Amino acid sequence: MSLVKVKRFAQVTIPADIRRRAHIEPGDFVEMTCEKGKIIMTPKRVSDKTVDWERKFDEALAQVRKGVPQRGLSSADVDKAVRTARRRSR
């Protein structure tokens, strides 16, 4: 547990160890709620709707597949890694 001082203009500094464990980096957004007298801060990711992320992913995956034979991997290895990554992102 960390004790944090509320500064001028209600600013607080999130301690480094908590930022690391929550994967909060400068520029990230957090959602704040108050439940039963406790402040809960949840890291949030914001996505740019103008970017076709599916296309970008497919392009990156194509680049990975090009390098697979040189690294001693198979297409099945790549497919398994993609399935794992997609499960984690849900």
PDB file of N, CA and C in Angstrom:
ATOM      1  N   MET A   1       0.847  -1.172   0.000  1.00  0.00           N
ATOM      2  CA  MET A   1       0.000   0.000   0.000  1.00  0.00           C
ATOM      3  C   MET A   1       0.895   1.239   0.000  1.00  0.00           C
ATOM      4  N   SER A   2       0.466   2.246  -0.751  1.00  0.00           N
ATOM      5  CA  SER A   2       1.212   3.495  -0.832  1.00  0.00           C
ATOM      6  C   SER A   2       0.344   4.638  -0.349  1.00  0.00           C
ATOM      7  N   LEU A   3       0.940   5.553   0.368  1.00  0.00           N
ATOM      8  CA  LEU A   3       0.251   6.759   0.808  1.00  0.00           C
ATOM      9  C   LEU A   3       0.596   7.861  -0.178  1.00  0.00           C
ATOM     10  N   VAL A   4      -0.432   8.515  -0.735  1.00  0.00           N
ATOM     11  CA  VAL A   4      -0.253   9.527  -1.764  1.00  0.00           C
ATOM     12  C   VAL A   4      -0.923  10.810  -1.302  1.00  0.00           C
ATOM     13  N   LYS A   5      -0.238  11.922  -1.471  1.00  0.00           N
ATOM     14  CA  LYS A   5      -0.779  13.227  -1.069  1.00  0.00           C
ATOM     15  C   LYS A   5      -1.545  13.860  -2.232  1.00  0.00           C
ATOM     16  N   VAL A   6      -2.731  14.385  -1.931  1.00  0.00           N
ATOM     17  CA  VAL A   6      -3.491  15.121  -2.929  1.00  0.00           C
ATOM     18  C   VAL A   6      -2.908  16.533  -2.975  1.00  0.00           C
ATOM     19  N   LYS A   7      -2.459  16.935  -4.152  1.00  0.00           N
ATOM     20  CA  LYS A   7      -1.797  18.226  -4.313  1.00  0.00           C
ATOM     21  C   LYS A   7      -2.762  19.276  -4.849  1.00  0.00           C
ATOM     22  N   ARG A   8      -2.217  20.421  -5.085  1.00  0.00           N
ATOM     23  CA  ARG A   8      -2.987  21.530  -5.622  1.00  0.00           C
ATOM     24  C   ARG A   8      -3.728  21.091  -6.887  1.00  0.00           C
ATOM     25  N   PHE A   9      -4.924  21.582  -7.071  1.00  0.00           N
ATOM     26  CA  PHE A   9      -5.779  21.228  -8.210  1.00  0.00           C
ATOM     27  C   PHE A   9      -6.165  19.750  -8.193  1.00  0.00           C
ATOM     28  N   ALA A  10      -6.140  19.115  -7.006  1.00  0.00           N
ATOM     29  CA  ALA A  10      -6.555  17.719  -6.801  1.00  0.00           C
ATOM     30  C   ALA A  10      -5.693  16.711  -7.562  1.00  0.00           C
ATOM     31  N   GLN A  11      -4.444  17.067  -7.839  1.00  0.00           N
ATOM     32  CA  GLN A  11      -3.561  16.148  -8.552  1.00  0.00           C
ATOM     33  C   GLN A  11      -2.944  15.145  -7.598  1.00  0.00           C
ATOM     34  N   VAL A  12      -2.796  13.923  -8.093  1.00  0.00           N
ATOM     35  CA  VAL A  12      -2.107  12.871  -7.336  1.00  0.00           C
ATOM     36  C   VAL A  12      -1.096  12.207  -8.260  1.00  0.00           C
ATOM     37  N   THR A  13      -0.055  11.653  -7.678  1.00  0.00           N
ATOM     38  CA  THR A  13       0.941  10.910  -8.443  1.00  0.00           C
ATOM     39  C   THR A  13       0.761   9.430  -8.140  1.00  0.00           C
ATOM     40  N   ILE A  14       0.613   8.640  -9.195  1.00  0.00           N
ATOM     41  CA  ILE A  14       0.492   7.198  -9.005  1.00  0.00           C
ATOM     42  C   ILE A  14       1.898   6.657  -8.770  1.00  0.00           C
ATOM     43  N   PRO A  15       2.132   5.978  -7.643  1.00  0.00           N
ATOM     44  CA  PRO A  15       3.473   5.457  -7.363  1.00  0.00           C
ATOM     45  C   PRO A  15       3.983   4.535  -8.480  1.00  0.00           C
ATOM     46  N   ALA A  16       5.273   4.587  -8.718  1.00  0.00           N
ATOM     47  CA  ALA A  16       5.899   3.847  -9.822  1.00  0.00           C
ATOM     48  C   ALA A  16       5.608   2.358  -9.767  1.00  0.00           C
ATOM     49  N   ASP A  17       5.674   1.747  -8.585  1.00  0.00           N
ATOM     50  CA  ASP A  17       5.445   0.296  -8.511  1.00  0.00           C
ATOM     51  C   ASP A  17       4.015  -0.059  -8.915  1.00  0.00           C
ATOM     52  N   ILE A  18       3.060   0.796  -8.582  1.00  0.00           N
ATOM     53  CA  ILE A  18       1.672   0.543  -8.978  1.00  0.00           C
ATOM     54  C   ILE A  18       1.502   0.764 -10.476  1.00  0.00           C
ATOM     55  N   ARG A  19       2.128   1.818 -11.024  1.00  0.00           N
ATOM     56  CA  ARG A  19       2.058   2.055 -12.479  1.00  0.00           C
ATOM     57  C   ARG A  19       2.622   0.866 -13.246  1.00  0.00           C
ATOM     58  N   ARG A  20       3.741   0.339 -12.767  1.00  0.00           N
ATOM     59  CA  ARG A  20       4.349  -0.815 -13.459  1.00  0.00           C
ATOM     60  C   ARG A  20       3.421  -2.025 -13.411  1.00  0.00           C
ATOM     61  N   ARG A  21       2.882  -2.329 -12.234  1.00  0.00           N
ATOM     62  CA  ARG A  21       2.019  -3.506 -12.093  1.00  0.00           C
ATOM     63  C   ARG A  21       0.723  -3.366 -12.888  1.00  0.00           C
ATOM     64  N   ALA A  22       0.238  -2.121 -13.038  1.00  0.00           N
ATOM     65  CA  ALA A  22      -0.997  -1.888 -13.789  1.00  0.00           C
ATOM     66  C   ALA A  22      -0.723  -1.576 -15.258  1.00  0.00           C
ATOM     67  N   HIS A  23       0.554  -1.553 -15.648  1.00  0.00           N
ATOM     68  CA  HIS A  23       0.964  -1.255 -17.033  1.00  0.00           C
ATOM     69  C   HIS A  23       0.446   0.119 -17.477  1.00  0.00           C
ATOM     70  N   ILE A  24       0.532   1.102 -16.580  1.00  0.00           N
ATOM     71  CA  ILE A  24       0.133   2.472 -16.896  1.00  0.00           C
ATOM     72  C   ILE A  24       1.371   3.251 -17.296  1.00  0.00           C
ATOM     73  N   GLU A  25       1.303   3.869 -18.484  1.00  0.00           N
ATOM     74  CA  GLU A  25       2.418   4.640 -19.001  1.00  0.00           C
ATOM     75  C   GLU A  25       1.978   6.081 -19.236  1.00  0.00           C
ATOM     76  N   PRO A  26       2.933   7.021 -19.319  1.00  0.00           N
ATOM     77  CA  PRO A  26       2.560   8.415 -19.582  1.00  0.00           C
ATOM     78  C   PRO A  26       1.683   8.517 -20.829  1.00  0.00           C
ATOM     79  N   GLY A  27       0.617   9.281 -20.726  1.00  0.00           N
ATOM     80  CA  GLY A  27      -0.305   9.452 -21.848  1.00  0.00           C
ATOM     81  C   GLY A  27      -1.472   8.485 -21.831  1.00  0.00           C
ATOM     82  N   ASP A  28      -1.413   7.440 -21.005  1.00  0.00           N
ATOM     83  CA  ASP A  28      -2.519   6.486 -20.913  1.00  0.00           C
ATOM     84  C   ASP A  28      -3.720   7.132 -20.238  1.00  0.00           C
ATOM     85  N   PHE A  29      -4.868   6.545 -20.437  1.00  0.00           N
ATOM     86  CA  PHE A  29      -6.088   6.981 -19.783  1.00  0.00           C
ATOM     87  C   PHE A  29      -6.447   6.006 -18.677  1.00  0.00           C
ATOM     88  N   VAL A  30      -7.091   6.525 -17.636  1.00  0.00           N
ATOM     89  CA  VAL A  30      -7.626   5.679 -16.572  1.00  0.00           C
ATOM     90  C   VAL A  30      -9.061   6.109 -16.308  1.00  0.00           C
ATOM     91  N   GLU A  31      -9.880   5.145 -15.960  1.00  0.00           N
ATOM     92  CA  GLU A  31     -11.257   5.417 -15.576  1.00  0.00           C
ATOM     93  C   GLU A  31     -11.307   5.412 -14.057  1.00  0.00           C
ATOM     94  N   MET A  32     -11.972   6.399 -13.477  1.00  0.00           N
ATOM     95  CA  MET A  32     -12.065   6.462 -12.021  1.00  0.00           C
ATOM     96  C   MET A  32     -13.516   6.385 -11.593  1.00  0.00           C
ATOM     97  N   THR A  33     -13.772   5.520 -10.601  1.00  0.00           N
ATOM     98  CA  THR A  33     -15.102   5.382 -10.038  1.00  0.00           C
ATOM     99  C   THR A  33     -14.976   5.380  -8.519  1.00  0.00           C
ATOM    100  N   CYS A  34     -16.075   5.617  -7.853  1.00  0.00           N
ATOM    101  CA  CYS A  34     -16.098   5.589  -6.396  1.00  0.00           C
ATOM    102  C   CYS A  34     -17.143   4.553  -5.977  1.00  0.00           C
ATOM    103  N   GLU A  35     -16.695   3.537  -5.251  1.00  0.00           N
ATOM    104  CA  GLU A  35     -17.583   2.475  -4.790  1.00  0.00           C
ATOM    105  C   GLU A  35     -17.368   2.242  -3.303  1.00  0.00           C
ATOM    106  N   LYS A  36     -18.431   2.390  -2.539  1.00  0.00           N
ATOM    107  CA  LYS A  36     -18.382   2.153  -1.096  1.00  0.00           C
ATOM    108  C   LYS A  36     -17.257   2.942  -0.429  1.00  0.00           C
ATOM    109  N   GLY A  37     -17.096   4.199  -0.855  1.00  0.00           N
ATOM    110  CA  GLY A  37     -16.094   5.061  -0.252  1.00  0.00           C
ATOM    111  C   GLY A  37     -14.674   4.829  -0.723  1.00  0.00           C
ATOM    112  N   LYS A  38     -14.480   3.947  -1.697  1.00  0.00           N
ATOM    113  CA  LYS A  38     -13.138   3.684  -2.237  1.00  0.00           C
ATOM    114  C   LYS A  38     -13.059   4.182  -3.670  1.00  0.00           C
ATOM    115  N   ILE A  39     -11.945   4.782  -4.002  1.00  0.00           N
ATOM    116  CA  ILE A  39     -11.711   5.244  -5.372  1.00  0.00           C
ATOM    117  C   ILE A  39     -11.049   4.100  -6.130  1.00  0.00           C
ATOM    118  N   ILE A  40     -11.646   3.753  -7.254  1.00  0.00           N
ATOM    119  CA  ILE A  40     -11.112   2.665  -8.077  1.00  0.00           C
ATOM    120  C   ILE A  40     -10.664   3.249  -9.405  1.00  0.00           C
ATOM    121  N   MET A  41      -9.410   2.984  -9.748  1.00  0.00           N
ATOM    122  CA  MET A  41      -8.818   3.498 -10.979  1.00  0.00           C
ATOM    123  C   MET A  41      -8.516   2.302 -11.887  1.00  0.00           C
ATOM    124  N   THR A  42      -9.063   2.329 -13.108  1.00  0.00           N
ATOM    125  CA  THR A  42      -8.892   1.225 -14.048  1.00  0.00           C
ATOM    126  C   THR A  42      -8.231   1.734 -15.320  1.00  0.00           C
ATOM    127  N   PRO A  43      -7.068   1.171 -15.697  1.00  0.00           N
ATOM    128  CA  PRO A  43      -6.426   1.591 -16.947  1.00  0.00           C
ATOM    129  C   PRO A  43      -7.339   1.304 -18.143  1.00  0.00           C
ATOM    130  N   LYS A  44      -7.392   2.219 -19.086  1.00  0.00           N
ATOM    131  CA  LYS A  44      -8.204   2.056 -20.285  1.00  0.00           C
ATOM    132  C   LYS A  44      -7.359   2.310 -21.514  1.00  0.00           C
ATOM    133  N   ARG A  45      -7.645   1.581 -22.560  1.00  0.00           N
ATOM    134  CA  ARG A  45      -6.979   1.798 -23.837  1.00  0.00           C
ATOM    135  C   ARG A  45      -7.959   2.479 -24.766  1.00  0.00           C
ATOM    136  N   VAL A  46      -7.488   3.485 -25.479  1.00  0.00           N
ATOM    137  CA  VAL A  46      -8.319   4.231 -26.411  1.00  0.00           C
ATOM    138  C   VAL A  46      -7.830   3.896 -27.810  1.00  0.00           C
ATOM    139  N   SER A  47      -8.758   3.568 -28.686  1.00  0.00           N
ATOM    140  CA  SER A  47      -8.397   3.175 -30.042  1.00  0.00           C
ATOM    141  C   SER A  47      -8.795   4.263 -31.029  1.00  0.00           C
ATOM    142  N   ASP A  48      -7.937   4.515 -31.983  1.00  0.00           N
ATOM    143  CA  ASP A  48      -8.209   5.484 -33.038  1.00  0.00           C
ATOM    144  C   ASP A  48      -9.132   4.828 -34.066  1.00  0.00           C
ATOM    145  N   LYS A  49     -10.356   5.321 -34.173  1.00  0.00           N
ATOM    146  CA  LYS A  49     -11.332   4.716 -35.081  1.00  0.00           C
ATOM    147  C   LYS A  49     -11.010   4.952 -36.547  1.00  0.00           C
ATOM    148  N   THR A  50     -10.102   5.868 -36.842  1.00  0.00           N
ATOM    149  CA  THR A  50      -9.757   6.120 -38.241  1.00  0.00           C
ATOM    150  C   THR A  50      -8.750   5.110 -38.771  1.00  0.00           C
ATOM    151  N   VAL A  51      -8.204   4.284 -37.882  1.00  0.00           N
ATOM    152  CA  VAL A  51      -7.203   3.295 -38.289  1.00  0.00           C
ATOM    153  C   VAL A  51      -7.888   1.943 -38.502  1.00  0.00           C
ATOM    154  N   ASP A  52      -7.578   1.299 -39.600  1.00  0.00           N
ATOM    155  CA  ASP A  52      -8.107  -0.041 -39.875  1.00  0.00           C
ATOM    156  C   ASP A  52      -7.172  -1.048 -39.198  1.00  0.00           C
ATOM    157  N   TRP A  53      -7.455  -1.308 -37.917  1.00  0.00           N
ATOM    158  CA  TRP A  53      -6.572  -2.164 -37.127  1.00  0.00           C
ATOM    159  C   TRP A  53      -6.521  -3.589 -37.651  1.00  0.00           C
ATOM    160  N   GLU A  54      -7.616  -4.085 -38.206  1.00  0.00           N
ATOM    161  CA  GLU A  54      -7.615  -5.445 -38.752  1.00  0.00           C
ATOM    162  C   GLU A  54      -6.641  -5.546 -39.929  1.00  0.00           C
ATOM    163  N   ARG A  55      -6.658  -4.541 -40.801  1.00  0.00           N
ATOM    164  CA  ARG A  55      -5.727  -4.533 -41.935  1.00  0.00           C
ATOM    165  C   ARG A  55      -4.285  -4.438 -41.445  1.00  0.00           C
ATOM    166  N   LYS A  56      -4.043  -3.554 -40.458  1.00  0.00           N
ATOM    167  CA  LYS A  56      -2.684  -3.420 -39.911  1.00  0.00           C
ATOM    168  C   LYS A  56      -2.204  -4.741 -39.313  1.00  0.00           C
ATOM    169  N   PHE A  57      -3.108  -5.433 -38.615  1.00  0.00           N
ATOM    170  CA  PHE A  57      -2.746  -6.719 -38.031  1.00  0.00           C
ATOM    171  C   PHE A  57      -2.396  -7.717 -39.130  1.00  0.00           C
ATOM    172  N   ASP A  58      -3.238  -7.779 -40.173  1.00  0.00           N
ATOM    173  CA  ASP A  58      -2.987  -8.711 -41.277  1.00  0.00           C
ATOM    174  C   ASP A  58      -1.652  -8.419 -41.963  1.00  0.00           C
ATOM    175  N   GLU A  59      -1.333  -7.130 -42.122  1.00  0.00           N
ATOM    176  CA  GLU A  59      -0.047  -6.764 -42.730  1.00  0.00           C
ATOM    177  C   GLU A  59       1.123  -7.197 -41.846  1.00  0.00           C
ATOM    178  N   ALA A  60       0.996  -6.985 -40.560  1.00  0.00           N
ATOM    179  CA  ALA A  60       2.060  -7.384 -39.634  1.00  0.00           C
ATOM    180  C   ALA A  60       2.205  -8.900 -39.625  1.00  0.00           C
ATOM    181  N   LEU A  61       1.086  -9.595 -39.641  1.00  0.00           N
ATOM    182  CA  LEU A  61       1.125 -11.062 -39.652  1.00  0.00           C
ATOM    183  C   LEU A  61       1.787 -11.583 -40.930  1.00  0.00           C
ATOM    184  N   ALA A  62       1.524 -10.926 -42.047  1.00  0.00           N
ATOM    185  CA  ALA A  62       2.161 -11.326 -43.313  1.00  0.00           C
ATOM    186  C   ALA A  62       3.678 -11.195 -43.210  1.00  0.00           C
ATOM    187  N   GLN A  63       4.148 -10.124 -42.568  1.00  0.00           N
ATOM    188  CA  GLN A  63       5.589  -9.936 -42.381  1.00  0.00           C
ATOM    189  C   GLN A  63       6.174 -11.036 -41.487  1.00  0.00           C
ATOM    190  N   VAL A  64       5.439 -11.385 -40.453  1.00  0.00           N
ATOM    191  CA  VAL A  64       5.902 -12.459 -39.562  1.00  0.00           C
ATOM    192  C   VAL A  64       5.996 -13.767 -40.327  1.00  0.00           C
ATOM    193  N   ARG A  65       4.965 -14.076 -41.110  1.00  0.00           N
ATOM    194  CA  ARG A  65       4.951 -15.341 -41.865  1.00  0.00           C
ATOM    195  C   ARG A  65       6.118 -15.427 -42.849  1.00  0.00           C
ATOM    196  N   LYS A  66       6.547 -14.282 -43.411  1.00  0.00           N
ATOM    197  CA  LYS A  66       7.688 -14.289 -44.334  1.00  0.00           C
ATOM    198  C   LYS A  66       8.960 -14.764 -43.640  1.00  0.00           C
ATOM    199  N   GLY A  67       9.118 -14.403 -42.369  1.00  0.00           N
ATOM    200  CA  GLY A  67      10.332 -14.748 -41.653  1.00  0.00           C
ATOM    201  C   GLY A  67      10.297 -16.077 -40.927  1.00  0.00           C
ATOM    202  N   VAL A  68       9.162 -16.762 -40.995  1.00  0.00           N
ATOM    203  CA  VAL A  68       8.988 -18.016 -40.247  1.00  0.00           C
ATOM    204  C   VAL A  68      10.004 -19.094 -40.645  1.00  0.00           C
ATOM    205  N   PRO A  69      10.191 -19.382 -41.927  1.00  0.00           N
ATOM    206  CA  PRO A  69      11.107 -20.478 -42.283  1.00  0.00           C
ATOM    207  C   PRO A  69      12.543 -20.256 -41.796  1.00  0.00           C
ATOM    208  N   GLN A  70      13.021 -19.017 -41.833  1.00  0.00           N
ATOM    209  CA  GLN A  70      14.386 -18.724 -41.420  1.00  0.00           C
ATOM    210  C   GLN A  70      14.576 -18.912 -39.920  1.00  0.00           C
ATOM    211  N   ARG A  71      13.507 -18.879 -39.162  1.00  0.00           N
ATOM    212  CA  ARG A  71      13.601 -18.996 -37.701  1.00  0.00           C
ATOM    213  C   ARG A  71      13.262 -20.401 -37.204  1.00  0.00           C
ATOM    214  N   GLY A  72      13.062 -21.323 -38.119  1.00  0.00           N
ATOM    215  CA  GLY A  72      12.790 -22.700 -37.723  1.00  0.00           C
ATOM    216  C   GLY A  72      11.390 -22.905 -37.162  1.00  0.00           C
ATOM    217  N   LEU A  73      10.465 -22.048 -37.540  1.00  0.00           N
ATOM    218  CA  LEU A  73       9.077 -22.179 -37.080  1.00  0.00           C
ATOM    219  C   LEU A  73       8.197 -22.662 -38.223  1.00  0.00           C
ATOM    220  N   SER A  74       7.011 -23.105 -37.872  1.00  0.00           N
ATOM    221  CA  SER A  74       6.060 -23.531 -38.895  1.00  0.00           C
ATOM    222  C   SER A  74       4.873 -22.587 -38.908  1.00  0.00           C
ATOM    223  N   SER A  75       4.056 -22.701 -39.944  1.00  0.00           N
ATOM    224  CA  SER A  75       2.829 -21.906 -39.995  1.00  0.00           C
ATOM    225  C   SER A  75       1.920 -22.257 -38.829  1.00  0.00           C
ATOM    226  N   ALA A  76       1.946 -23.510 -38.409  1.00  0.00           N
ATOM    227  CA  ALA A  76       1.132 -23.932 -37.266  1.00  0.00           C
ATOM    228  C   ALA A  76       1.567 -23.205 -35.992  1.00  0.00           C
ATOM    229  N   ASP A  77       2.880 -22.981 -35.852  1.00  0.00           N
ATOM    230  CA  ASP A  77       3.380 -22.233 -34.692  1.00  0.00           C
ATOM    231  C   ASP A  77       2.822 -20.810 -34.698  1.00  0.00           C
ATOM    232  N   VAL A  78       2.817 -20.189 -35.863  1.00  0.00           N
ATOM    233  CA  VAL A  78       2.309 -18.822 -35.986  1.00  0.00           C
ATOM    234  C   VAL A  78       0.811 -18.802 -35.698  1.00  0.00           C
ATOM    235  N   ASP A  79       0.084 -19.761 -36.270  1.00  0.00           N
ATOM    236  CA  ASP A  79      -1.365 -19.819 -36.043  1.00  0.00           C
ATOM    237  C   ASP A  79      -1.687 -19.962 -34.557  1.00  0.00           C
ATOM    238  N   LYS A  80      -0.938 -20.800 -33.873  1.00  0.00           N
ATOM    239  CA  LYS A  80      -1.158 -21.006 -32.441  1.00  0.00           C
ATOM    240  C   LYS A  80      -0.887 -19.712 -31.671  1.00  0.00           C
ATOM    241  N   ALA A  81       0.181 -19.010 -32.022  1.00  0.00           N
ATOM    242  CA  ALA A  81       0.516 -17.745 -31.352  1.00  0.00           C
ATOM    243  C   ALA A  81      -0.568 -16.693 -31.597  1.00  0.00           C
ATOM    244  N   VAL A  82      -1.104 -16.656 -32.800  1.00  0.00           N
ATOM    245  CA  VAL A  82      -2.169 -15.699 -33.129  1.00  0.00           C
ATOM    246  C   VAL A  82      -3.426 -16.023 -32.324  1.00  0.00           C
ATOM    247  N   ARG A  83      -3.800 -17.297 -32.240  1.00  0.00           N
ATOM    248  CA  ARG A  83      -4.983 -17.681 -31.451  1.00  0.00           C
ATOM    249  C   ARG A  83      -4.807 -17.281 -29.989  1.00  0.00           C
ATOM    250  N   THR A  84      -3.622 -17.511 -29.458  1.00  0.00           N
ATOM    251  CA  THR A  84      -3.341 -17.144 -28.062  1.00  0.00           C
ATOM    252  C   THR A  84      -3.458 -15.640 -27.866  1.00  0.00           C
ATOM    253  N   ALA A  85      -2.880 -14.865 -28.781  1.00  0.00           N
ATOM    254  CA  ALA A  85      -2.932 -13.398 -28.680  1.00  0.00           C
ATOM    255  C   ALA A  85      -4.362 -12.893 -28.778  1.00  0.00           C
ATOM    256  N   ARG A  86      -5.146 -13.482 -29.663  1.00  0.00           N
ATOM    257  CA  ARG A  86      -6.542 -13.030 -29.801  1.00  0.00           C
ATOM    258  C   ARG A  86      -7.359 -13.364 -28.556  1.00  0.00           C
ATOM    259  N   ARG A  87      -7.100 -14.513 -27.958  1.00  0.00           N
ATOM    260  CA  ARG A  87      -7.803 -14.881 -26.718  1.00  0.00           C
ATOM    261  C   ARG A  87      -7.465 -13.889 -25.607  1.00  0.00           C
ATOM    262  N   ARG A  88      -6.204 -13.511 -25.512  1.00  0.00           N
ATOM    263  CA  ARG A  88      -5.769 -12.578 -24.468  1.00  0.00           C
ATOM    264  C   ARG A  88      -6.341 -11.183 -24.659  1.00  0.00           C
ATOM    265  N   SER A  89      -6.614 -10.796 -25.904  1.00  0.00           N
ATOM    266  CA  SER A  89      -7.067  -9.433 -26.160  1.00  0.00           C
ATOM    267  C   SER A  89      -8.572  -9.255 -25.943  1.00  0.00           C
ATOM    268  N   ARG A  90      -9.287 -10.311 -25.691  1.00  0.00           N
ATOM    269  CA  ARG A  90     -10.745 -10.201 -25.498  1.00  0.00           C
ATOM    270  C   ARG A  90     -11.091  -9.698 -24.142  1.00  0.00           C
TER     271      ARG A  90
END
